Amino acid sequence: MLFDPVTQRQLVLSLANTAQARATLLDWLADHSAHLVIPDTLLAAPCLHHPNHRPLTVWIAPSALLEAIRFTSGLTTRAPKQTAALLARWPTAPALRPFLRRLTSSHPPDQLSLL
């Protein structure tokens, strides 16, 4: 789910579940200086730690709070794109913004990997 905070437009996005599709999406997001918001349960996703990707701003949302919001708002019975829309809008919600933490790279982007 892409969300433009200026125009308040959201765009549903779907892609193939392949490494190439994920890499292309991450590159596109980096080109557009987009911010990616993910639940902390996805921190181990290998596509976020690929050394060849350009730097991307990634925000981590606490999964316990996300699940609580999903439950109280009735999103548990709706399509996953509704939860994606909630995550995409999270940085623009003043009450939720303090709960985000920024993912920082474990090594500088200009450092070469030896492996």
N, C-alpha and C. Protein backbone atom coordinates (compact mmCIF):
# COMPACT_ATOMS: atom_id res chain seq x y z
N MET A 1 0.86 -1.16 0.00
CA MET A 1 0.00 0.00 0.00
C MET A 1 0.90 1.22 0.00
N LEU A 2 0.71 2.07 -0.98
CA LEU A 2 1.44 3.34 -1.03
C LEU A 2 0.51 4.44 -0.57
N PHE A 3 1.02 5.35 0.25
CA PHE A 3 0.21 6.45 0.76
C PHE A 3 0.97 7.75 0.59
N ASP A 4 0.34 8.72 -0.06
CA ASP A 4 0.93 10.04 -0.24
C ASP A 4 0.35 10.97 0.80
N PRO A 5 1.15 11.38 1.81
CA PRO A 5 0.60 12.22 2.88
C PRO A 5 0.17 13.61 2.40
N VAL A 6 0.70 14.07 1.29
CA VAL A 6 0.34 15.39 0.79
C VAL A 6 -1.05 15.38 0.17
N THR A 7 -1.30 14.42 -0.73
CA THR A 7 -2.58 14.35 -1.42
C THR A 7 -3.59 13.45 -0.71
N GLN A 8 -3.15 12.72 0.30
CA GLN A 8 -3.99 11.77 1.04
C GLN A 8 -4.49 10.63 0.15
N ARG A 9 -3.78 10.38 -0.95
CA ARG A 9 -4.15 9.28 -1.86
C ARG A 9 -3.42 8.01 -1.44
N GLN A 10 -4.10 6.90 -1.59
CA GLN A 10 -3.45 5.62 -1.36
C GLN A 10 -3.60 4.77 -2.61
N LEU A 11 -2.60 3.98 -2.86
CA LEU A 11 -2.55 3.15 -4.05
C LEU A 11 -2.22 1.73 -3.62
N VAL A 12 -3.06 0.81 -4.02
CA VAL A 12 -2.82 -0.60 -3.71
C VAL A 12 -1.78 -1.11 -4.70
N LEU A 13 -0.81 -1.81 -4.18
CA LEU A 13 0.30 -2.30 -4.99
C LEU A 13 0.42 -3.80 -4.78
N SER A 14 0.57 -4.53 -5.85
CA SER A 14 0.82 -5.96 -5.71
C SER A 14 1.99 -6.33 -6.61
N LEU A 15 2.76 -7.31 -6.17
CA LEU A 15 3.91 -7.74 -6.94
C LEU A 15 4.13 -9.23 -6.72
N ALA A 16 4.90 -9.80 -7.59
CA ALA A 16 5.21 -11.22 -7.49
C ALA A 16 6.08 -11.47 -6.27
N ASN A 17 5.95 -12.64 -5.70
CA ASN A 17 6.73 -12.99 -4.52
C ASN A 17 8.07 -13.58 -4.95
N THR A 18 8.89 -12.73 -5.55
CA THR A 18 10.21 -13.14 -6.01
C THR A 18 11.25 -12.15 -5.49
N ALA A 19 12.47 -12.59 -5.42
CA ALA A 19 13.56 -11.72 -4.95
C ALA A 19 13.74 -10.53 -5.89
N GLN A 20 13.61 -10.76 -7.19
CA GLN A 20 13.78 -9.68 -8.15
C GLN A 20 12.68 -8.63 -8.00
N ALA A 21 11.44 -9.06 -7.79
CA ALA A 21 10.34 -8.11 -7.61
C ALA A 21 10.53 -7.29 -6.35
N ARG A 22 10.95 -7.94 -5.27
CA ARG A 22 11.19 -7.21 -4.02
C ARG A 22 12.33 -6.21 -4.18
N ALA A 23 13.40 -6.62 -4.86
CA ALA A 23 14.54 -5.73 -5.07
C ALA A 23 14.14 -4.53 -5.92
N THR A 24 13.34 -4.76 -6.94
CA THR A 24 12.87 -3.68 -7.80
C THR A 24 12.01 -2.70 -7.01
N LEU A 25 11.13 -3.23 -6.17
CA LEU A 25 10.28 -2.38 -5.34
C LEU A 25 11.13 -1.54 -4.38
N LEU A 26 12.09 -2.16 -3.71
CA LEU A 26 12.94 -1.42 -2.78
C LEU A 26 13.74 -0.34 -3.50
N ASP A 27 14.23 -0.64 -4.70
CA ASP A 27 14.96 0.37 -5.48
C ASP A 27 14.04 1.52 -5.86
N TRP A 28 12.80 1.20 -6.26
CA TRP A 28 11.83 2.23 -6.64
C TRP A 28 11.51 3.11 -5.44
N LEU A 29 11.31 2.50 -4.27
CA LEU A 29 11.03 3.27 -3.07
C LEU A 29 12.20 4.19 -2.73
N ALA A 30 13.42 3.69 -2.86
CA ALA A 30 14.61 4.51 -2.59
C ALA A 30 14.70 5.67 -3.58
N ASP A 31 14.41 5.42 -4.86
CA ASP A 31 14.45 6.47 -5.87
C ASP A 31 13.47 7.60 -5.56
N HIS A 32 12.34 7.25 -4.96
CA HIS A 32 11.31 8.24 -4.66
C HIS A 32 11.37 8.75 -3.22
N SER A 33 12.46 8.45 -2.53
CA SER A 33 12.65 8.88 -1.13
C SER A 33 11.46 8.52 -0.26
N ALA A 34 10.91 7.35 -0.51
CA ALA A 34 9.74 6.89 0.25
C ALA A 34 10.19 6.32 1.59
N HIS A 35 9.27 6.27 2.50
CA HIS A 35 9.49 5.66 3.80
C HIS A 35 8.70 4.37 3.84
N LEU A 36 9.31 3.33 4.35
CA LEU A 36 8.68 2.03 4.46
C LEU A 36 8.36 1.77 5.92
N VAL A 37 7.12 1.39 6.21
CA VAL A 37 6.71 1.10 7.59
C VAL A 37 6.35 -0.38 7.64
N ILE A 38 7.03 -1.11 8.54
CA ILE A 38 6.79 -2.54 8.67
C ILE A 38 6.60 -2.89 10.14
N PRO A 39 5.88 -3.98 10.41
CA PRO A 39 5.80 -4.43 11.81
C PRO A 39 7.13 -5.06 12.23
N ASP A 40 7.41 -5.03 13.52
CA ASP A 40 8.69 -5.56 14.00
C ASP A 40 8.85 -7.06 13.75
N THR A 41 7.77 -7.76 13.44
CA THR A 41 7.87 -9.19 13.13
C THR A 41 8.57 -9.44 11.80
N LEU A 42 8.70 -8.42 10.97
CA LEU A 42 9.37 -8.57 9.67
C LEU A 42 10.83 -8.13 9.68
N LEU A 43 11.37 -7.87 10.85
CA LEU A 43 12.77 -7.41 10.93
C LEU A 43 13.76 -8.42 10.37
N ALA A 44 13.44 -9.68 10.44
CA ALA A 44 14.35 -10.71 9.95
C ALA A 44 14.22 -10.94 8.45
N ALA A 45 13.36 -10.20 7.77
CA ALA A 45 13.18 -10.39 6.33
C ALA A 45 14.50 -10.15 5.61
N PRO A 46 14.97 -11.13 4.82
CA PRO A 46 16.27 -10.98 4.18
C PRO A 46 16.32 -9.84 3.18
N CYS A 47 15.21 -9.46 2.59
CA CYS A 47 15.25 -8.40 1.58
C CYS A 47 15.58 -7.04 2.19
N LEU A 48 15.38 -6.86 3.50
CA LEU A 48 15.70 -5.59 4.12
C LEU A 48 17.19 -5.43 4.41
N HIS A 49 17.92 -6.51 4.37
CA HIS A 49 19.34 -6.49 4.74
C HIS A 49 20.26 -6.80 3.56
N HIS A 50 19.76 -6.61 2.36
CA HIS A 50 20.57 -6.90 1.18
C HIS A 50 21.61 -5.80 0.99
N PRO A 51 22.88 -6.14 0.90
CA PRO A 51 23.94 -5.12 0.87
C PRO A 51 23.97 -4.29 -0.41
N ASN A 52 23.36 -4.76 -1.50
CA ASN A 52 23.44 -4.03 -2.76
C ASN A 52 22.35 -2.99 -2.93
N HIS A 53 21.42 -2.90 -2.01
CA HIS A 53 20.34 -1.93 -2.14
C HIS A 53 20.78 -0.56 -1.69
N ARG A 54 20.17 0.43 -2.32
CA ARG A 54 20.40 1.80 -1.89
C ARG A 54 19.71 2.02 -0.55
N PRO A 55 20.17 2.99 0.22
CA PRO A 55 19.56 3.22 1.53
C PRO A 55 18.09 3.58 1.41
N LEU A 56 17.30 3.05 2.30
CA LEU A 56 15.86 3.28 2.33
C LEU A 56 15.47 3.57 3.77
N THR A 57 14.60 4.54 3.96
CA THR A 57 14.13 4.86 5.30
C THR A 57 13.08 3.84 5.69
N VAL A 58 13.36 3.09 6.73
CA VAL A 58 12.44 2.05 7.21
C VAL A 58 12.07 2.34 8.65
N TRP A 59 10.76 2.35 8.92
CA TRP A 59 10.24 2.56 10.26
C TRP A 59 9.66 1.26 10.77
N ILE A 60 9.88 0.98 12.04
CA ILE A 60 9.41 -0.25 12.67
C ILE A 60 8.24 0.09 13.59
N ALA A 61 7.13 -0.60 13.36
CA ALA A 61 5.95 -0.43 14.20
C ALA A 61 5.85 -1.63 15.14
N PRO A 62 5.54 -1.42 16.41
CA PRO A 62 5.43 -2.55 17.34
C PRO A 62 4.22 -3.43 16.98
N SER A 63 4.49 -4.71 16.78
CA SER A 63 3.43 -5.62 16.33
C SER A 63 2.32 -5.77 17.36
N ALA A 64 2.65 -5.70 18.64
CA ALA A 64 1.60 -5.82 19.68
C ALA A 64 0.61 -4.67 19.58
N LEU A 65 1.10 -3.46 19.37
CA LEU A 65 0.21 -2.31 19.23
C LEU A 65 -0.56 -2.40 17.92
N LEU A 66 0.10 -2.82 16.86
CA LEU A 66 -0.57 -2.98 15.57
C LEU A 66 -1.73 -3.97 15.69
N GLU A 67 -1.49 -5.10 16.35
CA GLU A 67 -2.55 -6.11 16.51
C GLU A 67 -3.68 -5.58 17.38
N ALA A 68 -3.35 -4.81 18.40
CA ALA A 68 -4.39 -4.22 19.26
C ALA A 68 -5.27 -3.25 18.46
N ILE A 69 -4.65 -2.44 17.62
CA ILE A 69 -5.40 -1.50 16.78
C ILE A 69 -6.25 -2.27 15.77
N ARG A 70 -5.67 -3.31 15.17
CA ARG A 70 -6.43 -4.12 14.22
C ARG A 70 -7.65 -4.75 14.89
N PHE A 71 -7.48 -5.25 16.10
CA PHE A 71 -8.58 -5.91 16.80
C PHE A 71 -9.69 -4.92 17.17
N THR A 72 -9.30 -3.78 17.74
CA THR A 72 -10.31 -2.81 18.19
C THR A 72 -11.02 -2.12 17.03
N SER A 73 -10.35 -2.00 15.89
CA SER A 73 -10.98 -1.35 14.74
C SER A 73 -11.67 -2.34 13.80
N GLY A 74 -11.61 -3.62 14.12
CA GLY A 74 -12.28 -4.62 13.30
C GLY A 74 -11.53 -5.01 12.03
N LEU A 75 -10.24 -4.68 11.97
CA LEU A 75 -9.47 -5.01 10.76
C LEU A 75 -9.10 -6.49 10.69
N THR A 76 -9.31 -7.23 11.76
CA THR A 76 -8.95 -8.66 11.73
C THR A 76 -9.86 -9.45 10.82
N THR A 77 -11.03 -8.91 10.50
CA THR A 77 -11.97 -9.61 9.62
C THR A 77 -11.96 -9.04 8.21
N ARG A 78 -11.08 -8.11 7.94
CA ARG A 78 -11.03 -7.48 6.62
C ARG A 78 -9.79 -7.92 5.85
N ALA A 79 -9.72 -7.49 4.61
CA ALA A 79 -8.61 -7.85 3.73
C ALA A 79 -7.29 -7.30 4.27
N PRO A 80 -6.17 -7.99 3.98
CA PRO A 80 -4.85 -7.53 4.45
C PRO A 80 -4.50 -6.11 3.97
N LYS A 81 -5.07 -5.68 2.85
CA LYS A 81 -4.74 -4.33 2.37
C LYS A 81 -5.21 -3.25 3.34
N GLN A 82 -6.22 -3.56 4.17
CA GLN A 82 -6.66 -2.60 5.18
C GLN A 82 -5.58 -2.40 6.25
N THR A 83 -4.93 -3.50 6.65
CA THR A 83 -3.83 -3.40 7.60
C THR A 83 -2.65 -2.67 6.96
N ALA A 84 -2.40 -2.94 5.69
CA ALA A 84 -1.32 -2.24 4.97
C ALA A 84 -1.60 -0.74 4.92
N ALA A 85 -2.85 -0.37 4.73
CA ALA A 85 -3.22 1.05 4.71
C ALA A 85 -2.98 1.67 6.08
N LEU A 86 -3.30 0.94 7.13
CA LEU A 86 -3.04 1.43 8.48
C LEU A 86 -1.55 1.66 8.69
N LEU A 87 -0.73 0.71 8.29
CA LEU A 87 0.73 0.86 8.44
C LEU A 87 1.25 2.03 7.61
N ALA A 88 0.73 2.18 6.39
CA ALA A 88 1.20 3.25 5.51
C ALA A 88 0.89 4.62 6.09
N ARG A 89 -0.24 4.74 6.79
CA ARG A 89 -0.63 6.04 7.36
C ARG A 89 -0.06 6.29 8.75
N TRP A 90 0.53 5.29 9.35
CA TRP A 90 1.01 5.39 10.73
C TRP A 90 1.88 6.63 10.97
N PRO A 91 2.86 6.94 10.10
CA PRO A 91 3.72 8.11 10.37
C PRO A 91 2.97 9.44 10.37
N THR A 92 1.80 9.50 9.74
CA THR A 92 1.07 10.76 9.67
C THR A 92 0.10 10.94 10.84
N ALA A 93 -0.06 9.90 11.67
CA ALA A 93 -0.97 9.98 12.81
C ALA A 93 -0.18 10.46 14.03
N PRO A 94 -0.50 11.65 14.54
CA PRO A 94 0.27 12.20 15.67
C PRO A 94 0.28 11.28 16.90
N ALA A 95 -0.80 10.55 17.14
CA ALA A 95 -0.85 9.69 18.32
C ALA A 95 0.00 8.44 18.15
N LEU A 96 0.20 7.99 16.91
CA LEU A 96 0.95 6.76 16.66
C LEU A 96 2.43 7.00 16.34
N ARG A 97 2.75 8.15 15.81
CA ARG A 97 4.12 8.45 15.38
C ARG A 97 5.17 8.19 16.47
N PRO A 98 4.92 8.53 17.74
CA PRO A 98 5.96 8.29 18.76
C PRO A 98 6.30 6.80 18.96
N PHE A 99 5.43 5.91 18.52
CA PHE A 99 5.69 4.48 18.71
C PHE A 99 6.57 3.89 17.62
N LEU A 100 6.82 4.63 16.56
CA LEU A 100 7.70 4.15 15.49
C LEU A 100 9.15 4.32 15.90
N ARG A 101 9.97 3.38 15.48
CA ARG A 101 11.41 3.57 15.66
C ARG A 101 12.07 3.30 14.32
N ARG A 102 13.11 4.02 14.06
CA ARG A 102 13.77 3.95 12.75
C ARG A 102 14.77 2.80 12.72
N LEU A 103 14.72 2.04 11.65
CA LEU A 103 15.68 0.96 11.45
C LEU A 103 16.97 1.59 10.94
N THR A 104 18.05 1.29 11.63
CA THR A 104 19.34 1.81 11.21
C THR A 104 20.19 0.67 10.68
N SER A 105 20.95 0.97 9.68
CA SER A 105 21.81 -0.03 9.05
C SER A 105 22.91 -0.45 10.03
N SER A 106 23.26 -1.73 9.97
CA SER A 106 24.31 -2.21 10.85
C SER A 106 25.70 -1.82 10.35
N HIS A 107 25.78 -1.41 9.09
CA HIS A 107 27.04 -0.92 8.56
C HIS A 107 26.75 0.25 7.62
N PRO A 108 27.68 1.18 7.49
CA PRO A 108 27.48 2.32 6.60
C PRO A 108 27.26 1.88 5.16
N PRO A 109 26.41 2.60 4.38
CA PRO A 109 26.13 2.19 3.01
C PRO A 109 27.34 2.21 2.08
N ASP A 110 28.38 2.98 2.44
CA ASP A 110 29.57 3.03 1.58
C ASP A 110 30.60 1.97 1.95
N GLN A 111 30.31 1.15 2.93
CA GLN A 111 31.23 0.08 3.34
C GLN A 111 30.96 -1.16 2.50
N LEU A 112 32.01 -1.75 2.00
CA LEU A 112 31.89 -2.96 1.20
C LEU A 112 31.80 -4.20 2.09
N SER A 113 30.96 -5.13 1.67
CA SER A 113 30.84 -6.37 2.39
C SER A 113 31.93 -7.32 1.93
N LEU A 114 32.54 -8.03 2.84
CA LEU A 114 33.60 -8.98 2.48
C LEU A 114 33.02 -10.35 2.12
N LEU A 115 31.76 -10.56 2.37
CA LEU A 115 31.14 -11.86 2.06
C LEU A 115 30.28 -11.79 0.85
